[in-house]
Protein backbone atom coordinates (compact mmCIF):
# COMPACT_ATOMS: atom_id res chain seq x y z
CA UNK A 1 26.98 -81.13 -10.11
CA UNK A 2 24.23 -78.70 -9.14
CA UNK A 3 24.53 -75.13 -7.34
CA UNK A 4 21.50 -73.04 -5.73
CA UNK A 5 19.79 -70.49 -7.94
CA UNK A 6 17.57 -68.12 -7.39
CA UNK A 7 14.79 -69.02 -9.20
CA UNK A 8 11.87 -67.75 -6.32
CA UNK A 9 12.15 -64.42 -6.15
CA UNK A 10 11.38 -61.76 -8.58
CA UNK A 11 14.59 -60.14 -10.10
CA UNK A 12 14.93 -57.35 -12.43
CA UNK A 13 15.38 -59.42 -16.04
CA UNK A 14 18.82 -59.84 -17.01
CA UNK A 15 19.69 -59.09 -20.10
CA UNK A 16 19.33 -62.23 -22.67
CA UNK A 17 21.24 -63.46 -25.56
CA UNK A 18 21.77 -62.25 -28.55
CA UNK A 19 18.37 -61.56 -31.19
CA UNK A 20 20.01 -63.02 -34.43
CA UNK A 21 21.60 -66.10 -32.01
CA UNK A 22 18.51 -67.05 -30.62
CA UNK A 23 16.58 -66.39 -34.46
CA UNK A 24 19.30 -68.96 -36.53
CA UNK A 25 18.38 -71.16 -32.77
CA UNK A 26 14.46 -71.64 -33.51
CA UNK A 27 15.27 -72.48 -37.42
CA UNK A 28 16.87 -75.32 -36.29
CA UNK A 29 14.62 -76.24 -33.86
CA UNK A 30 11.71 -76.67 -36.37
CA UNK A 31 13.60 -79.48 -37.88
CA UNK A 32 11.92 -81.77 -34.78
CA UNK A 33 8.80 -80.28 -35.19
CA UNK A 34 7.99 -80.29 -38.39
CA UNK A 35 8.80 -84.16 -39.27
CA UNK A 36 6.45 -85.42 -36.00
CA UNK A 37 3.32 -83.33 -37.25
CA UNK A 38 3.79 -82.42 -41.44
CA UNK A 39 3.65 -86.47 -42.26
CA UNK A 40 0.64 -87.17 -39.88
CA UNK A 41 -2.47 -86.56 -42.54
CA UNK A 42 -0.84 -89.11 -44.42
CA UNK A 43 -0.84 -91.86 -42.10
CA UNK A 44 -3.14 -93.54 -43.49
CA UNK A 45 -2.43 -93.19 -47.32
CA UNK A 46 1.04 -94.78 -45.87
CA UNK A 47 -0.43 -97.86 -44.45
CA UNK A 48 -2.96 -97.92 -47.46
CA UNK A 49 0.52 -97.98 -49.94
CA UNK A 50 2.34 -100.90 -48.02
CA UNK A 51 -0.80 -102.13 -46.90
CA UNK A 52 0.43 -102.07 -43.35
CA UNK A 53 -1.60 -102.54 -40.28
CA UNK A 54 -2.53 -99.34 -38.37
CA UNK A 55 0.28 -100.54 -35.45
CA UNK A 56 2.98 -100.78 -38.34
CA UNK A 57 1.95 -97.31 -39.55
CA UNK A 58 2.27 -96.16 -35.51
CA UNK A 59 5.99 -97.20 -35.61
CA UNK A 60 7.08 -94.48 -38.39
CA UNK A 61 6.12 -91.83 -35.09
CA UNK A 62 6.90 -94.54 -32.28
CA UNK A 63 10.20 -95.17 -33.85
CA UNK A 64 11.12 -91.88 -34.69
CA UNK A 65 10.61 -90.39 -31.14
CA UNK A 66 12.48 -93.34 -29.78
CA UNK A 67 15.98 -91.90 -31.74
CA UNK A 68 14.82 -88.34 -30.45
CA UNK A 69 15.09 -89.57 -27.18
CA UNK A 70 18.10 -92.64 -26.74
CA UNK A 71 19.34 -89.98 -29.62
CA UNK A 72 19.60 -87.09 -27.15
CA UNK A 73 21.61 -89.61 -24.50
CA UNK A 74 24.65 -89.84 -27.36
CA UNK A 75 24.64 -86.72 -28.74
CA UNK A 76 24.59 -84.78 -25.05
CA UNK A 77 28.29 -86.01 -23.64
CA UNK A 78 29.77 -85.41 -27.31
CA UNK A 79 28.09 -81.69 -27.77
CA UNK A 80 29.77 -81.02 -23.88
CA UNK A 81 33.12 -83.05 -25.31
CA UNK A 82 33.29 -81.54 -29.21
CA UNK A 83 31.84 -78.36 -28.89
CA UNK A 84 28.03 -77.03 -30.08
CA UNK A 85 28.45 -76.45 -33.60
CA UNK A 86 30.29 -79.44 -35.45
CA UNK A 87 27.87 -82.21 -33.94
CA UNK A 88 24.56 -80.28 -35.06
CA UNK A 89 26.04 -80.02 -38.49
CA UNK A 90 26.89 -83.53 -38.49
CA UNK A 91 23.06 -84.18 -37.05
CA UNK A 92 21.57 -82.34 -39.96
CA UNK A 93 23.10 -83.56 -42.49
CA UNK A 94 21.66 -87.01 -40.90
CA UNK A 95 18.79 -85.50 -41.01
CA UNK A 96 18.45 -84.81 -44.88
CA UNK A 97 19.78 -87.78 -45.67
CA UNK A 98 17.10 -89.57 -43.32
CA UNK A 99 14.20 -87.63 -45.51
CA UNK A 100 15.50 -88.81 -48.87
CA UNK A 101 15.77 -91.90 -47.83
CA UNK A 102 12.18 -92.07 -46.31
CA UNK A 103 10.98 -90.56 -49.63
CA UNK A 104 12.27 -93.10 -51.73
CA UNK A 105 11.42 -95.52 -49.23
CA UNK A 106 10.41 -99.01 -50.80
CA UNK A 107 8.38 -101.04 -47.93
CA UNK A 108 6.92 -99.69 -44.73
CA UNK A 109 9.86 -101.62 -42.75
CA UNK A 110 13.04 -99.13 -44.53
CA UNK A 111 10.40 -96.59 -44.28
CA UNK A 112 10.31 -96.59 -40.16
CA UNK A 113 14.30 -97.16 -40.49
CA UNK A 114 14.29 -94.09 -42.11
CA UNK A 115 12.27 -92.11 -39.34
CA UNK A 116 14.46 -93.00 -36.95
CA UNK A 117 17.66 -92.04 -38.18
CA UNK A 118 15.48 -88.80 -39.36
CA UNK A 119 15.12 -88.83 -34.91
CA UNK A 120 18.64 -89.12 -34.82
CA UNK A 121 19.17 -86.31 -36.67
CA UNK A 122 17.12 -84.33 -34.77
CA UNK A 123 18.44 -85.51 -31.18
CA UNK A 124 21.83 -83.41 -32.33
CA UNK A 125 19.80 -80.44 -32.51
CA UNK A 126 17.58 -80.51 -29.62
CA UNK A 127 20.80 -81.06 -27.64
CA UNK A 128 22.61 -78.02 -29.02
CA UNK A 129 19.59 -75.75 -28.73
CA UNK A 130 19.13 -76.55 -25.11
CA UNK A 131 22.87 -76.35 -23.78
CA UNK A 132 23.67 -73.36 -26.19
CA UNK A 133 20.44 -71.52 -24.37
CA UNK A 134 22.64 -72.71 -21.19
CA UNK A 135 26.00 -71.45 -22.64
CA UNK A 136 24.89 -67.89 -22.75
CA UNK A 137 21.88 -67.59 -19.67
CA UNK A 138 20.09 -68.37 -16.95
CA UNK A 139 17.57 -67.87 -14.55
CA UNK A 140 14.84 -65.93 -16.10
CA UNK A 141 16.76 -64.87 -18.82
CA UNK A 142 16.51 -68.36 -19.72
CA UNK A 143 13.01 -68.49 -19.04
CA UNK A 144 12.19 -66.07 -21.74
CA UNK A 145 14.93 -67.67 -24.17
CA UNK A 146 12.82 -70.90 -23.79
CA UNK A 147 9.85 -69.09 -23.83
CA UNK A 148 11.02 -67.34 -27.78
CA UNK A 149 11.84 -71.15 -28.81
CA UNK A 150 8.73 -72.94 -27.12
CA UNK A 151 6.73 -70.35 -29.20
CA UNK A 152 8.34 -71.38 -32.77
CA UNK A 153 7.55 -75.04 -31.81
CA UNK A 154 3.82 -74.04 -31.53
CA UNK A 155 3.91 -72.14 -34.05
CA UNK A 156 5.50 -75.60 -36.27
CA UNK A 157 1.90 -77.77 -35.22
CA UNK A 158 -0.07 -74.75 -36.84
CA UNK A 159 1.81 -74.90 -40.20
CA UNK A 160 2.77 -78.23 -41.07
CA UNK A 161 -0.55 -80.57 -40.53
CA UNK A 162 -1.83 -77.96 -43.07
CA UNK A 163 1.06 -78.10 -45.57
CA UNK A 164 2.03 -81.64 -45.37
CA UNK A 165 -2.30 -82.45 -45.65
CA UNK A 166 -2.01 -80.04 -48.49
CA UNK A 167 1.19 -81.61 -50.12
CA UNK A 168 -0.43 -84.99 -49.63
CA UNK A 169 -3.47 -84.26 -51.23
CA UNK A 170 -1.99 -82.81 -54.31
CA UNK A 171 1.77 -85.16 -54.85
CA UNK A 172 1.21 -87.76 -52.47
CA UNK A 173 2.69 -88.18 -49.17
CA UNK A 174 6.62 -89.26 -50.56
CA UNK A 175 6.65 -85.28 -51.18
CA UNK A 176 5.73 -84.25 -47.96
CA UNK A 177 9.62 -86.02 -46.78
CA UNK A 178 10.83 -84.05 -49.59
CA UNK A 179 10.10 -80.49 -48.26
CA UNK A 180 11.46 -82.04 -44.73
CA UNK A 181 14.24 -82.59 -46.52
CA UNK A 182 14.19 -79.35 -47.66
CA UNK A 183 13.51 -77.50 -44.16
CA UNK A 184 17.07 -79.68 -43.00
CA UNK A 185 18.82 -78.30 -46.10
CA UNK A 186 17.96 -74.15 -45.49
CA UNK A 187 18.63 -75.15 -41.68
CA UNK A 188 21.84 -76.63 -42.51
CA UNK A 189 22.53 -73.70 -44.18
CA UNK A 190 21.22 -71.06 -41.86
CA UNK A 191 23.72 -72.80 -38.35
CA UNK A 192 26.99 -72.81 -41.20
CA UNK A 193 26.35 -69.13 -41.52
CA UNK A 194 25.16 -67.45 -38.84
CA UNK A 195 25.34 -69.90 -35.75
CA UNK A 196 28.62 -69.51 -33.87
CA UNK A 197 30.16 -72.25 -31.60
CA UNK A 198 29.00 -71.59 -28.27
CA UNK A 199 30.95 -73.71 -25.85
CA UNK A 200 34.43 -72.87 -25.59
CA UNK A 201 37.23 -75.45 -25.61
CA UNK A 202 38.20 -74.89 -22.11
CA UNK A 203 34.86 -75.34 -20.47
CA UNK A 204 35.02 -78.09 -22.61
CA UNK A 205 34.65 -82.16 -21.06
CA UNK A 206 36.58 -85.05 -22.48
CA UNK A 207 34.48 -87.82 -23.82
CA UNK A 208 34.96 -91.13 -21.47
CA UNK A 209 32.48 -93.91 -20.91
CA UNK A 210 32.64 -93.29 -16.91
CA UNK A 211 32.29 -89.78 -16.83
CA UNK A 212 29.35 -89.92 -18.82
CA UNK A 213 27.55 -92.34 -16.13
CA UNK A 214 28.35 -90.10 -13.19
CA UNK A 215 27.18 -87.13 -15.08
CA UNK A 216 23.80 -88.47 -15.45
CA UNK A 217 24.04 -89.76 -12.47
CA UNK A 218 24.82 -86.81 -10.86
CA UNK A 219 22.04 -85.29 -12.63
CA UNK A 220 19.23 -87.56 -11.21
CA UNK A 221 20.37 -86.94 -7.77
CA UNK A 222 19.41 -83.48 -7.71
CA UNK A 223 16.06 -82.61 -6.36
CA UNK A 224 16.29 -79.96 -8.23
CA UNK A 225 16.70 -81.74 -11.12
CA UNK A 226 14.38 -84.01 -10.87
CA UNK A 227 11.16 -82.51 -9.90
CA UNK A 228 10.90 -80.43 -12.69
CA UNK A 229 11.80 -82.71 -14.59
CA UNK A 230 8.90 -85.45 -14.13
CA UNK A 231 6.39 -81.91 -14.31
CA UNK A 232 7.69 -81.18 -18.16
CA UNK A 233 7.93 -84.78 -19.08
CA UNK A 234 4.20 -84.84 -17.90
CA UNK A 235 3.49 -81.89 -20.38
CA UNK A 236 4.95 -83.88 -23.40
CA UNK A 237 2.76 -86.90 -22.28
CA UNK A 238 0.09 -84.65 -22.54
CA UNK A 239 1.02 -83.21 -26.18
CA UNK A 240 1.75 -86.50 -27.11
CA UNK A 241 -2.08 -88.41 -26.06
CA UNK A 242 -2.80 -84.59 -28.79
CA UNK A 243 -0.46 -85.90 -31.01
CA UNK A 244 -0.95 -89.47 -30.89
CA UNK A 245 -4.74 -89.25 -30.61
CA UNK A 246 -6.13 -86.26 -32.80
CA UNK A 247 -5.95 -88.16 -35.78
CA UNK A 248 -8.03 -90.99 -34.45
CA UNK A 249 -10.56 -89.19 -32.86
CA UNK A 250 -11.30 -85.95 -35.56
CA UNK A 251 -10.87 -88.22 -38.14
CA UNK A 252 -12.45 -91.70 -37.27
CA UNK A 253 -15.01 -90.57 -35.10
CA UNK A 254 -15.95 -86.98 -36.08
CA UNK A 255 -15.00 -88.08 -39.83
CA UNK A 256 -12.44 -85.09 -40.79
CA UNK A 257 -10.29 -85.35 -43.83
CA UNK A 258 -6.95 -84.50 -44.41
CA UNK A 259 -6.76 -80.95 -45.42
CA UNK A 260 -9.70 -80.18 -42.59
CA UNK A 261 -8.21 -82.14 -40.27
CA UNK A 262 -4.89 -79.62 -40.65
CA UNK A 263 -7.02 -77.24 -40.53
CA UNK A 264 -8.19 -78.01 -37.11
CA UNK A 265 -4.99 -79.33 -35.97
CA UNK A 266 -3.46 -75.90 -37.14
CA UNK A 267 -5.69 -73.59 -35.49
CA UNK A 268 -5.32 -75.38 -32.52
CA UNK A 269 -2.19 -74.60 -32.64
CA UNK A 270 -2.32 -71.24 -32.00
CA UNK A 271 -3.85 -72.11 -28.60
CA UNK A 272 0.18 -72.82 -27.57
CA UNK A 273 1.44 -69.62 -29.16
CA UNK A 274 -0.33 -67.41 -27.42
CA UNK A 275 0.63 -70.03 -23.98
CA UNK A 276 4.47 -69.47 -24.87
CA UNK A 277 3.68 -65.48 -25.74
CA UNK A 278 2.08 -65.40 -21.82
CA UNK A 279 4.46 -66.80 -20.54
CA UNK A 280 7.91 -64.57 -22.03
CA UNK A 281 5.43 -62.02 -20.99
CA UNK A 282 5.39 -62.97 -17.70
CA UNK A 283 8.40 -64.31 -16.55
CA UNK A 284 9.40 -60.79 -15.34
CA UNK A 285 6.43 -60.44 -13.39
CA UNK A 286 6.31 -64.24 -11.48
CA UNK A 287 8.95 -66.30 -10.02
CA UNK A 288 9.63 -69.22 -12.76
CA UNK A 289 8.02 -72.17 -10.18
CA UNK A 290 4.76 -69.74 -9.94
CA UNK A 291 4.70 -69.35 -14.09
CA UNK A 292 4.78 -73.29 -14.12
CA UNK A 293 2.29 -74.02 -11.55
CA UNK A 294 -0.28 -71.38 -13.69
CA UNK A 295 0.64 -72.82 -17.17
CA UNK A 296 0.11 -76.52 -15.28
CA UNK A 297 -3.34 -75.41 -13.66
CA UNK A 298 -5.05 -73.81 -16.95
CA UNK A 299 -3.92 -77.41 -18.49
CA UNK A 300 -6.31 -79.47 -15.89
CA UNK A 301 -8.62 -76.49 -16.80
CA UNK A 302 -8.63 -77.91 -20.44
CA UNK A 303 -8.82 -81.70 -19.64
CA UNK A 304 -11.31 -80.87 -17.33
CA UNK A 305 -13.27 -78.95 -20.35
CA UNK A 306 -12.66 -81.22 -23.26
CA UNK A 307 -13.76 -84.29 -20.95
CA UNK A 308 -17.17 -82.64 -20.06
CA UNK A 309 -16.90 -81.17 -23.80
CA UNK A 310 -17.04 -85.20 -25.19
CA UNK A 311 -19.09 -86.52 -22.30
CA UNK A 312 -22.11 -84.46 -22.54
CA UNK A 313 -21.77 -83.11 -26.17
CA UNK A 314 -20.79 -84.47 -29.35
CA UNK A 315 -19.62 -81.29 -30.66
CA UNK A 316 -15.81 -81.27 -32.40
CA UNK A 317 -16.02 -77.83 -31.91
CA UNK A 318 -15.90 -77.90 -28.01
CA UNK A 319 -13.69 -80.41 -27.68
CA UNK A 320 -11.27 -79.06 -29.40
CA UNK A 321 -11.72 -75.15 -28.48
CA UNK A 322 -11.04 -77.60 -25.14
CA UNK A 323 -7.74 -78.78 -25.90
CA UNK A 324 -6.65 -75.17 -27.24
CA UNK A 325 -7.51 -74.53 -24.00
CA UNK A 326 -5.17 -77.01 -22.32
CA UNK A 327 -2.29 -76.29 -25.11
CA UNK A 328 -2.48 -72.76 -23.98
CA UNK A 329 -1.38 -73.36 -20.27
CA UNK A 330 1.23 -75.62 -21.62
CA UNK A 331 2.99 -73.40 -24.23
CA UNK A 332 3.06 -71.13 -20.53
CA UNK A 333 4.51 -74.06 -18.10
CA UNK A 334 6.88 -75.58 -20.82
CA UNK A 335 9.92 -72.78 -21.06
CA UNK A 336 10.03 -72.27 -17.21
CA UNK A 337 10.41 -76.17 -16.06
CA UNK A 338 13.01 -76.19 -19.00
CA UNK A 339 14.31 -73.77 -17.81
CA UNK A 340 14.35 -75.19 -13.95
CA UNK A 341 16.16 -78.09 -15.22
CA UNK A 342 18.57 -76.18 -16.94
CA UNK A 343 19.36 -74.09 -14.01
CA UNK A 344 20.46 -76.86 -11.79
CA UNK A 345 22.98 -77.46 -13.87
CA UNK A 346 27.03 -75.66 -13.78
CA UNK A 347 28.78 -78.44 -14.92
CA UNK A 348 27.79 -81.11 -18.30
CA UNK A 349 25.15 -79.27 -19.89
CA UNK A 350 24.76 -80.95 -22.35
CA UNK A 351 23.83 -84.44 -20.79
CA UNK A 352 21.81 -82.12 -18.64
CA UNK A 353 19.96 -81.20 -22.00
CA UNK A 354 20.61 -84.71 -23.35
CA UNK A 355 18.62 -85.89 -20.22
CA UNK A 356 15.54 -83.91 -20.50
CA UNK A 357 15.02 -84.69 -24.39
CA UNK A 358 15.60 -87.94 -23.43
CA UNK A 359 12.71 -88.17 -20.94
CA UNK A 360 10.72 -85.70 -22.79
CA UNK A 361 10.76 -88.14 -26.13
CA UNK A 362 11.25 -91.70 -24.95
CA UNK A 363 8.16 -90.36 -22.74
CA UNK A 364 6.03 -89.25 -25.77
CA UNK A 365 7.14 -92.42 -27.84
CA UNK A 366 5.72 -94.45 -24.97
CA UNK A 367 2.61 -92.73 -25.26
CA UNK A 368 2.22 -92.24 -28.73
CA UNK A 369 1.86 -96.22 -28.68
CA UNK A 370 -0.86 -96.07 -26.32
CA UNK A 371 -2.77 -93.64 -26.71
CA UNK A 372 -4.11 -95.34 -29.99
CA UNK A 373 -6.83 -97.61 -27.64
CA UNK A 374 -8.33 -94.76 -25.44
CA UNK A 375 -8.52 -91.91 -28.72
CA UNK A 376 -9.99 -95.04 -31.12
CA UNK A 377 -12.56 -96.06 -28.56
CA UNK A 378 -14.17 -93.02 -27.60
CA UNK A 379 -13.64 -88.75 -27.59
CA UNK A 380 -13.99 -89.10 -23.50
CA UNK A 381 -11.36 -91.62 -23.08
CA UNK A 382 -8.59 -89.61 -25.24
CA UNK A 383 -9.74 -85.96 -22.82
CA UNK A 384 -10.12 -88.48 -20.00
CA UNK A 385 -6.59 -89.33 -20.32
CA UNK A 386 -4.98 -85.80 -20.73
CA UNK A 387 -7.13 -85.19 -17.71
CA UNK A 388 -5.12 -87.60 -16.01
CA UNK A 389 -1.84 -86.48 -16.54
CA UNK A 390 -2.25 -82.90 -16.24
CA UNK A 391 -3.27 -83.71 -12.35
CA UNK A 392 -0.19 -85.59 -11.90
CA UNK A 393 2.31 -83.19 -13.22
CA UNK A 394 0.43 -80.67 -10.99
CA UNK A 395 1.48 -82.15 -8.31
CA UNK A 396 4.84 -82.12 -9.50
CA UNK A 397 4.89 -78.60 -10.41
CA UNK A 398 4.11 -78.13 -7.25
CA UNK A 399 6.43 -79.63 -5.46
CA UNK A 400 9.08 -77.93 -7.08
CA UNK A 401 7.47 -74.86 -6.46
CA UNK A 402 7.57 -75.34 -2.61
CA UNK A 403 11.61 -77.05 -3.22
CA UNK A 404 13.06 -74.05 -4.93
CA UNK A 405 10.97 -71.48 -2.41
CA UNK A 406 12.78 -73.49 0.41
CA UNK A 407 16.14 -73.13 -1.78
CA UNK A 408 15.68 -69.26 -1.88
CA UNK A 409 15.34 -69.53 2.02
CA UNK A 410 18.47 -71.18 3.02
C-alpha cells in the first residue's frame, strides 16, 4: 500500500495543479477554521447566556473537534468509493444546516449537538481537500500545494476572531453562526460551479467494512506514514494549546476584552501566514524532511522565548510576540509533514487523508479539553506546555528526516 518516493533529494519542481483548482480548494478549506476561530471571543457570553459552567462551554469546541477528527475516519473511505465532489457537496450542506441550528439553539445541549454536526460536515471537506491534492500531485509539488492551503488556514485566524468579536459585540453570539452559515453557502456555490471531480471512476475503491479496516491497518503499519504523522499531530497539539489557552491567558490574566482579543489573535496569526509563505518558497531549495525539521526548530525556539517572557516579565507584548515566532515555524513545517504523510499512500488515498485528519483534530480535541488547566493557572505554565510539545515533535521530525534519507539511499 506504500511506495518509495524521493523526498530527500532536491529536484526541479514538477508542475502543480491548476491555480483555479487550488483556489477552489482554498475556499472550501476556510469553512473548518472559521468554525473554530470565529466564535472564540463569544465563549464567555455563551456561558453567561445559558448560565453554563466553563467546562460545558468548552464542549462546544471539544465536541466540534471530536467530530471533525472522527468524522474523517468515515469520510475517507466514502470519498474513495464515491469520488470527491458529491460527498463534499453533502458535507457542506450538513455544515450550513448545523450553523443555522446553532444560531437558534434554545439550550447549551442543542448548541453542543449543532457544533458536533458542524464538525461532521467540515470533516468531509478536510478529507476531500487533502485527497484531491494527492489525486493530482505528489512530492515537492504536493508540498507547495499544501503550503498554499496552509496559508489560507493561517490567514483565517487573523480575520475570523476579529470579525467574530466585532459581530459578537454589536449583535450577540447568535449572528456569528449566521455568518458561518453564509460562509458555508458561498463555499457550496464555489464547489458546485468550479471544483471538478479529481478521482476517476477506475481508481475508486468499493466501500466495504473489511477493506476499510485493512486500508487503515496498512497505513498504520507504514513507518513512512507514522513518523511524520507523529510530527504533524505535534503541530496540531501546539496549535490547539494556543487556540484553547489564549482566551484564558489574554482575557483572564491580562484583562483583554472581546474586540482586543480578536485583534491580538489575528495579528499573531500573521506569523503563521509568513511561515506558510516561507515554506512555499523554501520547498524547491530544501528536501521535504529538512523543511519539516527547520520549521519545528523555530517552534521550539518560540516556545523557549514565550516561557522566558512569561517567567521573567509580565509583558503581554513579549509573550504574544514569542508565541507568534513559534507559529511562524508551525506554518513552515506543517505542509512538509502533510506531504510526507500523503506521499506514502498510493492506494486508499482518502483513507490516508482521513487518518491524517482524525489524528490532527482528535489530538486537538484532547488538547482543548486539557489546556485549560495550565492556561488558567499561569501564562508561564501555558507557554511551558507548548514548549514541551514542540520538543517532542522535533524528535519525530528528526526521525522522519533520517528515514527519508535512508529510503533515498536504498
